[in-house]
Amino acid sequence: MKDYIVRVDKNDNPIGKCTKEEAFTKGYYRRIARILIMNSKGQVLITKRSDKQFHGGGKWDQSAAGHVKPGETYEHAAHRELEEELGIKNINLELIGTFFTKNYTEHHKSLAFSQVFLGYSDSDIKFDWNEISDYKWLTINELKEMIENEVFVHSFTKTIQSLFAKLGLQ
């Protein structure tokens, strides 16, 4: 059974569905829900994508993320991805940013609208080790230092800028 994602037009209006592979090979516009989790110590959870991941494997990324499926809102997709990737359920999420990315490589064409959500949790996390190979809880200063020295997926800079703006750190 194929896993479909929502296909959108250049203005982020739903126009149908496609597979992830079709979106990447044909350059279809798509939607991504991105989530940053902070704990009560003020630390941000970042995850390292599994080497098995088609896109961004082995690179550091936000806490969780995923494509929006047909019939879902960005926020619904964010809650679904939190549960699938981290085992976190029933937390409040706040929309803190939106952005568009265009990234063409020799292997794929990525045109993605993103909404970034922030949630707070001290829950035990149940990682999906098929999607994630490592994780870290970092203070804002540790995160800033790591951004200068580590390899992150191409969209991480825009994702984290949403958090910094929310926290008044720009």
Protein backbone atom coordinates (compact mmCIF):
# COMPACT_ATOMS: atom_id res chain seq x y z
CA MET A 1 0.00 0.00 0.00
CA LYS A 2 1.38 3.38 -0.99
CA ASP A 3 1.80 6.10 1.61
CA TYR A 4 0.49 9.36 0.17
CA ILE A 5 1.27 12.93 1.17
CA VAL A 6 -0.69 16.04 0.28
CA ARG A 7 0.37 17.78 -2.91
CA VAL A 8 -0.07 21.57 -2.96
CA ASP A 9 0.26 24.37 -5.48
CA LYS A 10 2.77 27.24 -5.33
CA ASN A 11 0.45 29.06 -2.87
CA ASP A 12 0.18 26.08 -0.48
CA ASN A 13 -3.37 25.14 -1.55
CA PRO A 14 -4.08 21.38 -1.62
CA ILE A 15 -4.48 20.07 -5.17
CA GLY A 16 -4.16 16.31 -4.72
CA LYS A 17 -1.89 13.63 -3.41
CA CYS A 18 1.38 11.98 -4.37
CA THR A 19 4.01 9.72 -2.88
CA LYS A 20 7.15 11.18 -1.31
CA GLU A 21 9.17 9.69 -4.14
CA GLU A 22 7.00 11.45 -6.73
CA ALA A 23 7.33 14.74 -4.86
CA PHE A 24 11.12 14.45 -4.83
CA THR A 25 11.60 13.19 -8.39
CA LYS A 26 8.99 15.39 -10.09
CA GLY A 27 9.49 18.49 -7.95
CA TYR A 28 5.95 18.69 -6.57
CA TYR A 29 5.18 21.20 -3.84
CA ARG A 30 4.49 19.51 -0.49
CA ARG A 31 3.85 20.31 3.18
CA ILE A 32 5.96 19.48 6.22
CA ALA A 33 5.11 19.83 9.90
CA ARG A 34 8.24 20.47 11.98
CA ILE A 35 8.28 20.17 15.76
CA LEU A 36 10.71 21.42 18.40
CA ILE A 37 10.36 20.04 21.93
CA MET A 38 11.70 21.84 24.98
CA ASN A 39 11.82 20.47 28.51
CA SER A 40 11.36 22.25 31.84
CA LYS A 41 15.15 22.84 32.03
CA GLY A 42 14.93 24.99 28.89
CA GLN A 43 16.71 22.42 26.76
CA VAL A 44 15.81 21.70 23.14
CA LEU A 45 15.60 18.13 21.83
CA ILE A 46 17.40 17.58 18.53
CA THR A 47 17.59 14.28 16.71
CA LYS A 48 19.99 12.76 14.24
CA ARG A 49 18.29 11.25 11.23
CA SER A 50 18.92 7.58 10.61
CA ASP A 51 21.33 6.76 7.79
CA LYS A 52 18.40 4.81 6.29
CA GLN A 53 16.48 8.04 5.67
CA PHE A 54 16.12 8.96 1.99
CA HIS A 55 16.63 12.65 2.67
CA GLY A 56 19.12 14.04 5.19
CA GLY A 57 20.28 10.69 6.54
CA GLY A 58 23.01 11.00 9.18
CA LYS A 59 22.39 14.70 9.76
CA TRP A 60 21.06 16.53 12.81
CA ASP A 61 17.52 17.88 12.69
CA GLN A 62 14.59 19.17 14.75
CA SER A 63 12.88 17.03 17.39
CA ALA A 64 10.42 15.49 14.92
CA ALA A 65 8.95 16.22 11.52
CA GLY A 66 6.88 14.70 8.79
CA HIS A 67 4.85 15.22 5.69
CA VAL A 68 1.24 16.28 5.90
CA LYS A 69 -1.08 13.58 4.59
CA PRO A 70 -4.22 14.17 2.53
CA GLY A 71 -7.03 15.51 4.74
CA GLU A 72 -4.67 16.54 7.57
CA THR A 73 -3.79 19.99 8.83
CA TYR A 74 -0.19 20.85 9.62
CA GLU A 75 -0.99 20.65 13.33
CA HIS A 76 -2.63 17.23 13.04
CA ALA A 77 0.45 15.98 11.18
CA ALA A 78 2.68 17.44 13.92
CA HIS A 79 0.80 15.51 16.62
CA ARG A 80 0.90 12.31 14.55
CA GLU A 81 4.65 12.63 13.96
CA LEU A 82 5.34 13.34 17.65
CA GLU A 83 3.58 10.14 18.59
CA GLU A 84 5.19 8.06 15.81
CA GLU A 85 8.76 9.30 16.22
CA LEU A 86 8.98 10.16 19.93
CA GLY A 87 6.00 8.51 21.61
CA ILE A 88 4.77 11.90 22.87
CA LYS A 89 0.99 12.31 23.04
CA ASN A 90 -1.48 14.97 24.02
CA ILE A 91 0.71 18.05 24.40
CA ASN A 92 -0.14 21.57 23.38
CA LEU A 93 1.66 22.77 20.30
CA GLU A 94 2.14 26.40 19.38
CA LEU A 95 2.73 27.49 15.80
CA ILE A 96 5.93 29.57 15.92
CA GLY A 97 6.96 29.88 12.30
CA THR A 98 6.33 29.18 8.65
CA PHE A 99 8.73 29.07 5.74
CA PHE A 100 9.32 27.72 2.25
CA THR A 101 12.40 25.85 1.07
CA LYS A 102 13.63 25.02 -2.39
CA ASN A 103 16.51 22.58 -2.56
CA TYR A 104 17.56 20.92 -5.80
CA THR A 105 20.30 18.31 -5.91
CA GLU A 106 21.26 15.81 -8.57
CA HIS A 107 19.11 13.23 -6.74
CA HIS A 108 15.96 15.15 -5.87
CA LYS A 109 13.91 18.32 -6.15
CA SER A 110 12.52 19.60 -2.87
CA LEU A 111 9.83 22.28 -2.79
CA ALA A 112 8.36 22.39 0.70
CA PHE A 113 6.08 24.61 2.73
CA SER A 114 6.76 24.17 6.44
CA GLN A 115 5.05 25.10 9.66
CA VAL A 116 7.12 24.94 12.85
CA PHE A 117 5.49 24.01 16.15
CA LEU A 118 6.86 24.27 19.68
CA GLY A 119 5.82 21.95 22.48
CA TYR A 120 6.98 21.36 26.03
CA SER A 121 7.44 17.90 27.51
CA ASP A 122 9.34 16.12 30.26
CA SER A 123 7.82 12.76 29.27
CA ASP A 124 9.91 9.68 28.72
CA ILE A 125 10.64 9.54 25.03
CA LYS A 126 10.22 6.38 22.99
CA PHE A 127 12.32 6.97 19.92
CA ASP A 128 11.62 5.30 16.59
CA TRP A 129 15.13 4.02 15.90
CA ASN A 130 14.23 3.41 12.25
CA GLU A 131 13.96 7.18 11.83
CA ILE A 132 16.42 8.44 14.44
CA SER A 133 19.98 7.28 15.18
CA ASP A 134 20.86 9.65 18.04
CA TYR A 135 19.47 12.54 20.08
CA LYS A 136 20.62 15.34 22.38
CA TRP A 137 18.99 17.70 24.84
CA LEU A 138 20.80 21.03 24.47
CA THR A 139 20.64 24.43 26.09
CA ILE A 140 20.19 27.33 23.68
CA ASN A 141 23.90 28.21 23.99
CA GLU A 142 24.93 24.59 23.35
CA LEU A 143 22.62 24.51 20.35
CA LYS A 144 24.09 27.72 18.92
CA GLU A 145 27.60 26.28 19.33
CA MET A 146 26.62 23.01 17.71
CA ILE A 147 25.06 24.80 14.73
CA GLU A 148 28.49 26.29 13.97
CA ASN A 149 30.29 22.93 14.14
CA GLU A 150 27.91 20.14 13.05
CA VAL A 151 26.07 19.11 9.93
CA PHE A 152 22.32 19.74 10.01
CA VAL A 153 19.69 19.15 7.33
CA HIS A 154 19.34 22.14 5.00
CA SER A 155 16.03 23.32 6.52
CA PHE A 156 17.20 23.27 10.15
CA THR A 157 18.47 26.84 10.09
CA LYS A 158 15.03 28.17 9.21
CA THR A 159 13.37 25.89 11.75
CA ILE A 160 15.62 27.01 14.59
CA GLN A 161 15.28 30.68 13.60
CA SER A 162 11.57 30.30 14.39
CA LEU A 163 12.47 29.17 17.92
CA PHE A 164 15.02 31.93 18.43
CA ALA A 165 12.44 34.53 17.31
CA LYS A 166 9.85 33.04 19.71
CA LEU A 167 12.36 33.26 22.57
CA GLY A 168 13.45 36.79 21.60
CA LEU A 169 16.99 35.70 20.73
CA GLN A 170 17.44 37.11 17.23
